[in-house]
């Protein structure tokens, strides 16, 4: 998955049922792991936990951080 696809996927995580959101985060996490970006994968894991716990501000902050950093990486 190219960075642009990961970014688009993460940016679309605003609405939907919890299971669908978690599945999209897991897919994005797998993509960043495959590209050797373990720090970003950890941030996505934290975002997933924040969403599960209802800490929506943390969830959005972490997703924004990952999207921002992905934007600076080359495919």
Protein backbone atom coordinates (compact mmCIF):
# COMPACT_ATOMS: atom_id res chain seq x y z
CA UNK A 1 0.00 0.00 0.00
CA UNK A 2 1.45 3.40 -1.01
CA UNK A 3 1.69 6.18 1.59
CA UNK A 4 -0.98 8.17 -0.21
CA UNK A 5 -3.41 5.25 0.13
CA UNK A 6 -2.61 4.92 3.84
CA UNK A 7 -3.12 8.67 4.35
CA UNK A 8 -6.46 8.64 2.50
CA UNK A 9 -7.58 5.64 4.53
CA UNK A 10 -6.63 7.27 7.83
CA UNK A 11 -8.18 10.60 6.90
CA UNK A 12 -11.50 8.85 6.21
CA UNK A 13 -11.70 7.56 9.78
CA UNK A 14 -14.18 10.09 11.03
CA UNK A 15 -17.42 8.17 11.12
CA UNK A 16 -18.54 4.58 11.10
CA UNK A 17 -19.02 1.73 13.47
CA UNK A 18 -16.24 0.89 15.86
CA UNK A 19 -15.41 -2.44 14.25
CA UNK A 20 -15.02 -0.87 10.80
CA UNK A 21 -12.82 1.90 12.18
CA UNK A 22 -10.64 -0.60 14.04
CA UNK A 23 -10.30 -2.70 10.87
CA UNK A 24 -9.10 0.35 8.88
CA UNK A 25 -6.59 1.22 11.58
CA UNK A 26 -5.32 -2.37 11.61
CA UNK A 27 -4.91 -2.33 7.82
CA UNK A 28 -2.99 0.94 7.97
CA UNK A 29 -0.87 -0.39 10.84
CA UNK A 30 0.07 -3.45 8.81
CA UNK A 31 1.07 -1.23 5.88
CA UNK A 32 3.36 0.95 7.99
CA UNK A 33 4.93 -2.12 9.63
CA UNK A 34 5.62 -3.58 6.17
CA UNK A 35 7.43 -0.34 5.30
CA UNK A 36 9.55 -0.53 8.45
CA UNK A 37 7.86 2.35 10.28
CA UNK A 38 7.47 0.71 13.69
CA UNK A 39 7.12 4.03 15.54
CA UNK A 40 4.12 4.96 13.40
CA UNK A 41 2.66 1.48 13.86
CA UNK A 42 2.90 1.97 17.62
CA UNK A 43 1.07 5.32 17.32
CA UNK A 44 -1.70 3.58 15.37
CA UNK A 45 -1.89 0.94 18.11
CA UNK A 46 -2.27 3.75 20.66
CA UNK A 47 -4.96 5.38 18.49
CA UNK A 48 -6.85 2.10 18.35
CA UNK A 49 -6.71 1.77 22.14
CA UNK A 50 -7.83 5.38 22.58
CA UNK A 51 -10.80 4.78 20.29
CA UNK A 52 -11.72 1.63 22.19
CA UNK A 53 -11.52 3.54 25.51
CA UNK A 54 -13.57 6.47 24.22
CA UNK A 55 -10.66 8.92 24.39
CA UNK A 56 -11.64 10.57 21.12
CA UNK A 57 -9.35 13.59 21.43
CA UNK A 58 -6.35 11.28 21.83
CA UNK A 59 -7.57 9.12 18.96
CA UNK A 60 -7.83 12.08 16.56
CA UNK A 61 -4.50 13.55 17.75
CA UNK A 62 -2.67 10.28 17.17
CA UNK A 63 -4.22 9.76 13.73
CA UNK A 64 -3.31 13.32 12.75
CA UNK A 65 0.26 12.74 13.90
CA UNK A 66 0.59 9.57 11.82
CA UNK A 67 -0.93 11.18 8.73
CA UNK A 68 1.39 14.16 9.09
CA UNK A 69 4.49 11.99 9.38
CA UNK A 70 3.42 9.77 6.49
CA UNK A 71 3.06 12.86 4.36
CA UNK A 72 6.78 13.49 4.77
CA UNK A 73 7.85 9.99 3.75
CA UNK A 74 8.68 8.88 0.23
CA UNK A 75 7.03 5.80 -1.30
